[in-house]
Structure formats: C-alpha cells, structure tokens
Amino acid sequence: MALSPLSAVKALDAYFLEARARILDLAAILDRIGRGAGAEAVDSDPRLMKIRKALEVLQDQSGGRAERIQQIFSLEYDPQWEKPRPRG
C-alpha cells in the first residue's frame, strides 16, 4: 500500500510549530555569534558561510531543499577513505 503525501495545509498544520522553534533556535545561535567578541573574524569562516548558503537554499521554492542543504554540509567523496570494517 503506497502512502500519499500530506496535503500542503495538513503539512503546515503538523509542522508549523516545529519549524518556528527551529528557526528561532537558529536565529538565537546566529545572534550569539554576532554578539561574540571578534565576530567580524568569523565572517569568512567556512562553517558560517555554509550556514548562510543553506539559508539561501531555504528561500528557493524549486524543491529539493533538504538534499541541497545536505550537500552543502557534506564532504566531497574521497576515494582514499578507509572502508568500514565489520565489527568482530
């Protein structure tokens, strides 16, 4: 049996408060960074740049936002990575 996605109204009803809380958390984090001593020094920090880029993706209405944001925070594949070993 295939599950059908929630309607837009039901999804908004179900997730609005959770989204609001997460956005407020992020705003508070960015405020703490901005108020911190030497805040201008972190302006070019790659981590903060990734957060800003992710916020831009959130504004894009074309879809696939979760995947694109995951890609922003993911490392590029390195074929030299050590393969996981089974636990013994």
PDB file of N, CA and C in Angstrom:
ATOM      1  N   MET A   1       0.842  -1.183   0.000  1.00  0.00           N
ATOM      2  CA  MET A   1       0.000   0.000   0.000  1.00  0.00           C
ATOM      3  C   MET A   1       0.889   1.249   0.000  1.00  0.00           C
ATOM      4  N   ALA A   2       0.736   2.103  -0.975  1.00  0.00           N
ATOM      5  CA  ALA A   2       1.526   3.325  -1.091  1.00  0.00           C
ATOM      6  C   ALA A   2       0.914   4.420  -0.221  1.00  0.00           C
ATOM      7  N   LEU A   3       1.764   5.103   0.484  1.00  0.00           N
ATOM      8  CA  LEU A   3       1.300   6.221   1.296  1.00  0.00           C
ATOM      9  C   LEU A   3       1.257   7.476   0.449  1.00  0.00           C
ATOM     10  N   SER A   4       0.207   8.243   0.576  1.00  0.00           N
ATOM     11  CA  SER A   4       0.149   9.505  -0.163  1.00  0.00           C
ATOM     12  C   SER A   4       0.667  10.618   0.746  1.00  0.00           C
ATOM     13  N   PRO A   5       1.331  11.607   0.155  1.00  0.00           N
ATOM     14  CA  PRO A   5       1.870  12.698   0.981  1.00  0.00           C
ATOM     15  C   PRO A   5       0.745  13.525   1.595  1.00  0.00           C
ATOM     16  N   LEU A   6       1.084  14.187   2.682  1.00  0.00           N
ATOM     17  CA  LEU A   6       0.119  15.081   3.319  1.00  0.00           C
ATOM     18  C   LEU A   6      -0.213  16.227   2.374  1.00  0.00           C
ATOM     19  N   SER A   7      -1.403  16.740   2.493  1.00  0.00           N
ATOM     20  CA  SER A   7      -1.734  17.955   1.734  1.00  0.00           C
ATOM     21  C   SER A   7      -0.884  19.093   2.309  1.00  0.00           C
ATOM     22  N   ALA A   8      -0.724  20.141   1.529  1.00  0.00           N
ATOM     23  CA  ALA A   8       0.069  21.288   1.980  1.00  0.00           C
ATOM     24  C   ALA A   8      -0.491  21.865   3.280  1.00  0.00           C
ATOM     25  N   VAL A   9      -1.806  21.957   3.371  1.00  0.00           N
ATOM     26  CA  VAL A   9      -2.448  22.509   4.579  1.00  0.00           C
ATOM     27  C   VAL A   9      -2.170  21.621   5.781  1.00  0.00           C
ATOM     28  N   LYS A  10      -2.317  20.295   5.604  1.00  0.00           N
ATOM     29  CA  LYS A  10      -2.067  19.384   6.725  1.00  0.00           C
ATOM     30  C   LYS A  10      -0.600  19.388   7.125  1.00  0.00           C
ATOM     31  N   ALA A  11       0.309  19.474   6.144  1.00  0.00           N
ATOM     32  CA  ALA A  11       1.740  19.529   6.456  1.00  0.00           C
ATOM     33  C   ALA A  11       2.058  20.798   7.239  1.00  0.00           C
ATOM     34  N   LEU A  12       1.498  21.924   6.817  1.00  0.00           N
ATOM     35  CA  LEU A  12       1.724  23.183   7.539  1.00  0.00           C
ATOM     36  C   LEU A  12       1.156  23.097   8.947  1.00  0.00           C
ATOM     37  N   ASP A  13      -0.051  22.549   9.082  1.00  0.00           N
ATOM     38  CA  ASP A  13      -0.654  22.382  10.405  1.00  0.00           C
ATOM     39  C   ASP A  13       0.222  21.503  11.304  1.00  0.00           C
ATOM     40  N   ALA A  14       0.752  20.434  10.727  1.00  0.00           N
ATOM     41  CA  ALA A  14       1.517  19.462  11.508  1.00  0.00           C
ATOM     42  C   ALA A  14       2.897  19.969  11.898  1.00  0.00           C
ATOM     43  N   TYR A  15       3.521  20.770  11.059  1.00  0.00           N
ATOM     44  CA  TYR A  15       4.933  21.101  11.264  1.00  0.00           C
ATOM     45  C   TYR A  15       5.227  22.569  11.536  1.00  0.00           C
ATOM     46  N   PHE A  16       4.220  23.421  11.546  1.00  0.00           N
ATOM     47  CA  PHE A  16       4.458  24.844  11.737  1.00  0.00           C
ATOM     48  C   PHE A  16       5.196  25.153  13.033  1.00  0.00           C
ATOM     49  N   LEU A  17       4.703  24.630  14.150  1.00  0.00           N
ATOM     50  CA  LEU A  17       5.323  24.960  15.442  1.00  0.00           C
ATOM     51  C   LEU A  17       6.753  24.427  15.535  1.00  0.00           C
ATOM     52  N   GLU A  18       6.991  23.239  14.986  1.00  0.00           N
ATOM     53  CA  GLU A  18       8.344  22.688  14.983  1.00  0.00           C
ATOM     54  C   GLU A  18       9.276  23.552  14.134  1.00  0.00           C
ATOM     55  N   ALA A  19       8.823  23.970  12.965  1.00  0.00           N
ATOM     56  CA  ALA A  19       9.637  24.825  12.097  1.00  0.00           C
ATOM     57  C   ALA A  19       9.925  26.156  12.786  1.00  0.00           C
ATOM     58  N   ARG A  20       8.900  26.728  13.402  1.00  0.00           N
ATOM     59  CA  ARG A  20       9.054  28.002  14.122  1.00  0.00           C
ATOM     60  C   ARG A  20      10.123  27.876  15.208  1.00  0.00           C
ATOM     61  N   ALA A  21      10.065  26.805  15.977  1.00  0.00           N
ATOM     62  CA  ALA A  21      11.028  26.602  17.067  1.00  0.00           C
ATOM     63  C   ALA A  21      12.450  26.460  16.522  1.00  0.00           C
ATOM     64  N   ARG A  22      12.606  25.719  15.442  1.00  0.00           N
ATOM     65  CA  ARG A  22      13.945  25.522  14.878  1.00  0.00           C
ATOM     66  C   ARG A  22      14.499  26.812  14.297  1.00  0.00           C
ATOM     67  N   ILE A  23      13.639  27.606  13.663  1.00  0.00           N
ATOM     68  CA  ILE A  23      14.091  28.886  13.116  1.00  0.00           C
ATOM     69  C   ILE A  23      14.499  29.825  14.247  1.00  0.00           C
ATOM     70  N   LEU A  24      13.723  29.837  15.332  1.00  0.00           N
ATOM     71  CA  LEU A  24      14.088  30.664  16.495  1.00  0.00           C
ATOM     72  C   LEU A  24      15.415  30.216  17.095  1.00  0.00           C
ATOM     73  N   ASP A  25      15.638  28.900  17.170  1.00  0.00           N
ATOM     74  CA  ASP A  25      16.923  28.386  17.671  1.00  0.00           C
ATOM     75  C   ASP A  25      18.074  28.866  16.799  1.00  0.00           C
ATOM     76  N   LEU A  26      17.908  28.774  15.497  1.00  0.00           N
ATOM     77  CA  LEU A  26      18.959  29.202  14.584  1.00  0.00           C
ATOM     78  C   LEU A  26      19.203  30.702  14.703  1.00  0.00           C
ATOM     79  N   ALA A  27      18.137  31.478  14.809  1.00  0.00           N
ATOM     80  CA  ALA A  27      18.282  32.925  14.977  1.00  0.00           C
ATOM     81  C   ALA A  27      19.065  33.244  16.255  1.00  0.00           C
ATOM     82  N   ALA A  28      18.773  32.525  17.322  1.00  0.00           N
ATOM     83  CA  ALA A  28      19.481  32.748  18.589  1.00  0.00           C
ATOM     84  C   ALA A  28      20.968  32.390  18.459  1.00  0.00           C
ATOM     85  N   ILE A  29      21.255  31.308  17.763  1.00  0.00           N
ATOM     86  CA  ILE A  29      22.652  30.910  17.555  1.00  0.00           C
ATOM     87  C   ILE A  29      23.392  31.983  16.769  1.00  0.00           C
ATOM     88  N   LEU A  30      22.779  32.455  15.691  1.00  0.00           N
ATOM     89  CA  LEU A  30      23.426  33.495  14.878  1.00  0.00           C
ATOM     90  C   LEU A  30      23.590  34.791  15.664  1.00  0.00           C
ATOM     91  N   ASP A  31      22.619  35.120  16.522  1.00  0.00           N
ATOM     92  CA  ASP A  31      22.755  36.296  17.387  1.00  0.00           C
ATOM     93  C   ASP A  31      23.932  36.143  18.346  1.00  0.00           C
ATOM     94  N   ARG A  32      24.094  34.944  18.926  1.00  0.00           N
ATOM     95  CA  ARG A  32      25.223  34.710  19.841  1.00  0.00           C
ATOM     96  C   ARG A  32      26.550  34.882  19.115  1.00  0.00           C
ATOM     97  N   ILE A  33      26.622  34.354  17.904  1.00  0.00           N
ATOM     98  CA  ILE A  33      27.858  34.502  17.122  1.00  0.00           C
ATOM     99  C   ILE A  33      28.101  35.978  16.832  1.00  0.00           C
ATOM    100  N   GLY A  34      27.053  36.685  16.438  1.00  0.00           N
ATOM    101  CA  GLY A  34      27.181  38.101  16.097  1.00  0.00           C
ATOM    102  C   GLY A  34      27.556  38.985  17.278  1.00  0.00           C
ATOM    103  N   ARG A  35      27.119  38.599  18.471  1.00  0.00           N
ATOM    104  CA  ARG A  35      27.440  39.388  19.672  1.00  0.00           C
ATOM    105  C   ARG A  35      28.796  39.037  20.259  1.00  0.00           C
ATOM    106  N   GLY A  36      29.356  37.931  19.837  1.00  0.00           N
ATOM    107  CA  GLY A  36      30.612  37.471  20.414  1.00  0.00           C
ATOM    108  C   GLY A  36      31.776  38.382  20.066  1.00  0.00           C
ATOM    109  N   ALA A  37      32.752  38.405  20.960  1.00  0.00           N
ATOM    110  CA  ALA A  37      33.962  39.182  20.706  1.00  0.00           C
ATOM    111  C   ALA A  37      34.641  38.623  19.454  1.00  0.00           C
ATOM    112  N   GLY A  38      35.040  39.509  18.571  1.00  0.00           N
ATOM    113  CA  GLY A  38      35.711  39.086  17.350  1.00  0.00           C
ATOM    114  C   GLY A  38      34.768  38.512  16.309  1.00  0.00           C
ATOM    115  N   ALA A  39      33.500  38.924  16.346  1.00  0.00           N
ATOM    116  CA  ALA A  39      32.508  38.387  15.417  1.00  0.00           C
ATOM    117  C   ALA A  39      32.914  38.602  13.964  1.00  0.00           C
ATOM    118  N   GLU A  40      33.572  39.722  13.698  1.00  0.00           N
ATOM    119  CA  GLU A  40      33.978  40.002  12.315  1.00  0.00           C
ATOM    120  C   GLU A  40      35.025  39.005  11.823  1.00  0.00           C
ATOM    121  N   ALA A  41      35.747  38.383  12.744  1.00  0.00           N
ATOM    122  CA  ALA A  41      36.771  37.411  12.368  1.00  0.00           C
ATOM    123  C   ALA A  41      36.165  36.117  11.838  1.00  0.00           C
ATOM    124  N   VAL A  42      34.947  35.805  12.212  1.00  0.00           N
ATOM    125  CA  VAL A  42      34.330  34.567  11.749  1.00  0.00           C
ATOM    126  C   VAL A  42      33.494  34.763  10.487  1.00  0.00           C
ATOM    127  N   ASP A  43      33.422  35.999  10.005  1.00  0.00           N
ATOM    128  CA  ASP A  43      32.641  36.277   8.804  1.00  0.00           C
ATOM    129  C   ASP A  43      33.041  35.400   7.625  1.00  0.00           C
ATOM    130  N   SER A  44      34.307  35.074   7.523  1.00  0.00           N
ATOM    131  CA  SER A  44      34.773  34.251   6.403  1.00  0.00           C
ATOM    132  C   SER A  44      35.014  32.799   6.818  1.00  0.00           C
ATOM    133  N   ASP A  45      34.576  32.419   8.008  1.00  0.00           N
ATOM    134  CA  ASP A  45      34.718  31.034   8.453  1.00  0.00           C
ATOM    135  C   ASP A  45      33.858  30.139   7.555  1.00  0.00           C
ATOM    136  N   PRO A  46      34.441  29.070   7.016  1.00  0.00           N
ATOM    137  CA  PRO A  46      33.684  28.204   6.106  1.00  0.00           C
ATOM    138  C   PRO A  46      32.397  27.642   6.713  1.00  0.00           C
ATOM    139  N   ARG A  47      32.377  27.419   8.017  1.00  0.00           N
ATOM    140  CA  ARG A  47      31.168  26.887   8.651  1.00  0.00           C
ATOM    141  C   ARG A  47      30.032  27.899   8.595  1.00  0.00           C
ATOM    142  N   LEU A  48      30.348  29.159   8.908  1.00  0.00           N
ATOM    143  CA  LEU A  48      29.327  30.205   8.862  1.00  0.00           C
ATOM    144  C   LEU A  48      28.892  30.458   7.420  1.00  0.00           C
ATOM    145  N   MET A  49      29.818  30.360   6.502  1.00  0.00           N
ATOM    146  CA  MET A  49      29.483  30.528   5.089  1.00  0.00           C
ATOM    147  C   MET A  49      28.522  29.423   4.627  1.00  0.00           C
ATOM    148  N   LYS A  50      28.717  28.204   5.127  1.00  0.00           N
ATOM    149  CA  LYS A  50      27.818  27.105   4.794  1.00  0.00           C
ATOM    150  C   LYS A  50      26.421  27.354   5.358  1.00  0.00           C
ATOM    151  N   ILE A  51      26.344  27.871   6.574  1.00  0.00           N
ATOM    152  CA  ILE A  51      25.043  28.186   7.166  1.00  0.00           C
ATOM    153  C   ILE A  51      24.329  29.235   6.312  1.00  0.00           C
ATOM    154  N   ARG A  52      25.049  30.258   5.902  1.00  0.00           N
ATOM    155  CA  ARG A  52      24.441  31.307   5.078  1.00  0.00           C
ATOM    156  C   ARG A  52      23.974  30.762   3.729  1.00  0.00           C
ATOM    157  N   LYS A  53      24.776  29.897   3.136  1.00  0.00           N
ATOM    158  CA  LYS A  53      24.403  29.296   1.856  1.00  0.00           C
ATOM    159  C   LYS A  53      23.146  28.440   2.020  1.00  0.00           C
ATOM    160  N   ALA A  54      23.080  27.693   3.123  1.00  0.00           N
ATOM    161  CA  ALA A  54      21.908  26.864   3.395  1.00  0.00           C
ATOM    162  C   ALA A  54      20.660  27.733   3.574  1.00  0.00           C
ATOM    163  N   LEU A  55      20.809  28.874   4.220  1.00  0.00           N
ATOM    164  CA  LEU A  55      19.670  29.774   4.391  1.00  0.00           C
ATOM    165  C   LEU A  55      19.178  30.298   3.041  1.00  0.00           C
ATOM    166  N   GLU A  56      20.097  30.513   2.110  1.00  0.00           N
ATOM    167  CA  GLU A  56      19.702  30.920   0.761  1.00  0.00           C
ATOM    168  C   GLU A  56      18.888  29.814   0.085  1.00  0.00           C
ATOM    169  N   VAL A  57      19.316  28.565   0.248  1.00  0.00           N
ATOM    170  CA  VAL A  57      18.601  27.441  -0.346  1.00  0.00           C
ATOM    171  C   VAL A  57      17.186  27.364   0.215  1.00  0.00           C
ATOM    172  N   LEU A  58      17.023  27.661   1.496  1.00  0.00           N
ATOM    173  CA  LEU A  58      15.684  27.613   2.096  1.00  0.00           C
ATOM    174  C   LEU A  58      14.712  28.576   1.414  1.00  0.00           C
ATOM    175  N   GLN A  59      15.229  29.658   0.854  1.00  0.00           N
ATOM    176  CA  GLN A  59      14.375  30.640   0.190  1.00  0.00           C
ATOM    177  C   GLN A  59      13.945  30.199  -1.208  1.00  0.00           C
ATOM    178  N   ASP A  60      14.626  29.224  -1.773  1.00  0.00           N
ATOM    179  CA  ASP A  60      14.358  28.756  -3.127  1.00  0.00           C
ATOM    180  C   ASP A  60      13.125  27.848  -3.119  1.00  0.00           C
ATOM    181  N   GLN A  61      12.149  28.167  -3.915  1.00  0.00           N
ATOM    182  CA  GLN A  61      10.884  27.420  -3.940  1.00  0.00           C
ATOM    183  C   GLN A  61      10.888  26.236  -4.899  1.00  0.00           C
ATOM    184  N   SER A  62      12.017  25.957  -5.552  1.00  0.00           N
ATOM    185  CA  SER A  62      12.022  24.928  -6.599  1.00  0.00           C
ATOM    186  C   SER A  62      12.030  23.499  -6.068  1.00  0.00           C
ATOM    187  N   GLY A  63      12.128  23.315  -4.760  1.00  0.00           N
ATOM    188  CA  GLY A  63      12.096  21.968  -4.188  1.00  0.00           C
ATOM    189  C   GLY A  63      13.482  21.369  -4.020  1.00  0.00           C
ATOM    190  N   GLY A  64      13.522  20.192  -3.427  1.00  0.00           N
ATOM    191  CA  GLY A  64      14.788  19.509  -3.199  1.00  0.00           C
ATOM    192  C   GLY A  64      15.693  20.210  -2.211  1.00  0.00           C
ATOM    193  N   ARG A  65      15.121  21.024  -1.354  1.00  0.00           N
ATOM    194  CA  ARG A  65      15.942  21.815  -0.426  1.00  0.00           C
ATOM    195  C   ARG A  65      16.712  20.952   0.554  1.00  0.00           C
ATOM    196  N   ALA A  66      16.091  19.917   1.094  1.00  0.00           N
ATOM    197  CA  ALA A  66      16.782  19.086   2.092  1.00  0.00           C
ATOM    198  C   ALA A  66      18.025  18.446   1.480  1.00  0.00           C
ATOM    199  N   GLU A  67      17.901  17.934   0.272  1.00  0.00           N
ATOM    200  CA  GLU A  67      19.047  17.300  -0.382  1.00  0.00           C
ATOM    201  C   GLU A  67      20.145  18.320  -0.679  1.00  0.00           C
ATOM    202  N   ARG A  68      19.763  19.483  -1.169  1.00  0.00           N
ATOM    203  CA  ARG A  68      20.774  20.504  -1.484  1.00  0.00           C
ATOM    204  C   ARG A  68      21.485  20.991  -0.234  1.00  0.00           C
ATOM    205  N   ILE A  69      20.753  21.139   0.851  1.00  0.00           N
ATOM    206  CA  ILE A  69      21.385  21.578   2.102  1.00  0.00           C
ATOM    207  C   ILE A  69      22.290  20.482   2.640  1.00  0.00           C
ATOM    208  N   GLN A  70      21.869  19.231   2.537  1.00  0.00           N
ATOM    209  CA  GLN A  70      22.733  18.120   2.958  1.00  0.00           C
ATOM    210  C   GLN A  70      24.047  18.161   2.179  1.00  0.00           C
ATOM    211  N   GLN A  71      23.979  18.453   0.896  1.00  0.00           N
ATOM    212  CA  GLN A  71      25.183  18.525   0.066  1.00  0.00           C
ATOM    213  C   GLN A  71      26.106  19.659   0.521  1.00  0.00           C
ATOM    214  N   ILE A  72      25.532  20.767   0.952  1.00  0.00           N
ATOM    215  CA  ILE A  72      26.348  21.893   1.429  1.00  0.00           C
ATOM    216  C   ILE A  72      27.203  21.464   2.617  1.00  0.00           C
ATOM    217  N   PHE A  73      26.624  20.665   3.504  1.00  0.00           N
ATOM    218  CA  PHE A  73      27.329  20.284   4.726  1.00  0.00           C
ATOM    219  C   PHE A  73      28.096  18.970   4.599  1.00  0.00           C
ATOM    220  N   SER A  74      28.041  18.337   3.444  1.00  0.00           N
ATOM    221  CA  SER A  74      28.734  17.062   3.241  1.00  0.00           C
ATOM    222  C   SER A  74      30.135  17.278   2.695  1.00  0.00           C
ATOM    223  N   LEU A  75      31.002  16.345   2.998  1.00  0.00           N
ATOM    224  CA  LEU A  75      32.346  16.360   2.426  1.00  0.00           C
ATOM    225  C   LEU A  75      32.301  15.783   1.022  1.00  0.00           C
ATOM    226  N   GLU A  76      33.166  16.274   0.168  1.00  0.00           N
ATOM    227  CA  GLU A  76      33.301  15.688  -1.162  1.00  0.00           C
ATOM    228  C   GLU A  76      33.823  14.268  -1.005  1.00  0.00           C
ATOM    229  N   TYR A  77      33.373  13.381  -1.876  1.00  0.00           N
ATOM    230  CA  TYR A  77      33.821  11.987  -1.823  1.00  0.00           C
ATOM    231  C   TYR A  77      35.319  11.913  -2.072  1.00  0.00           C
ATOM    232  N   ASP A  78      35.982  11.128  -1.276  1.00  0.00           N
ATOM    233  CA  ASP A  78      37.419  10.896  -1.421  1.00  0.00           C
ATOM    234  C   ASP A  78      37.632   9.390  -1.589  1.00  0.00           C
ATOM    235  N   PRO A  79      38.086   8.950  -2.758  1.00  0.00           N
ATOM    236  CA  PRO A  79      38.274   7.512  -2.965  1.00  0.00           C
ATOM    237  C   PRO A  79      39.327   6.905  -2.042  1.00  0.00           C
ATOM    238  N   GLN A  80      40.101   7.722  -1.366  1.00  0.00           N
ATOM    239  CA  GLN A  80      41.136   7.240  -0.453  1.00  0.00           C
ATOM    240  C   GLN A  80      40.598   6.955   0.956  1.00  0.00           C
ATOM    241  N   TRP A  81      39.323   7.270   1.194  1.00  0.00           N
ATOM    242  CA  TRP A  81      38.749   6.998   2.509  1.00  0.00           C
ATOM    243  C   TRP A  81      38.873   5.519   2.834  1.00  0.00           C
ATOM    244  N   GLU A  82      39.142   5.273   4.089  1.00  0.00           N
ATOM    245  CA  GLU A  82      39.240   3.892   4.549  1.00  0.00           C
ATOM    246  C   GLU A  82      37.845   3.271   4.584  1.00  0.00           C
ATOM    247  N   LYS A  83      37.721   2.086   4.051  1.00  0.00           N
ATOM    248  CA  LYS A  83      36.439   1.391   4.029  1.00  0.00           C
ATOM    249  C   LYS A  83      36.119   0.878   5.432  1.00  0.00           C
ATOM    250  N   PRO A  84      34.845   0.931   5.825  1.00  0.00           N
ATOM    251  CA  PRO A  84      34.474   0.410   7.147  1.00  0.00           C
ATOM    252  C   PRO A  84      34.764  -1.104   7.250  1.00  0.00           C
ATOM    253  N   ARG A  85      35.158  -1.504   8.417  1.00  0.00           N
ATOM    254  CA  ARG A  85      35.430  -2.926   8.655  1.00  0.00           C
ATOM    255  C   ARG A  85      34.322  -3.505   9.517  1.00  0.00           C
ATOM    256  N   PRO A  86      33.946  -4.748   9.259  1.00  0.00           N
ATOM    257  CA  PRO A  86      32.902  -5.362  10.095  1.00  0.00           C
ATOM    258  C   PRO A  86      33.375  -5.480  11.547  1.00  0.00           C
ATOM    259  N   ARG A  87      32.445  -5.307  12.460  1.00  0.00           N
ATOM    260  CA  ARG A  87      32.792  -5.461  13.871  1.00  0.00           C
ATOM    261  C   ARG A  87      32.957  -6.945  14.165  1.00  0.00           C
ATOM    262  N   GLY A  88      33.949  -7.256  14.975  1.00  0.00           N
ATOM    263  CA  GLY A  88      34.248  -8.658  15.218  1.00  0.00           C
ATOM    264  C   GLY A  88      33.904  -9.162  16.523  1.00  0.00           C
TER     265      GLY A  88
END
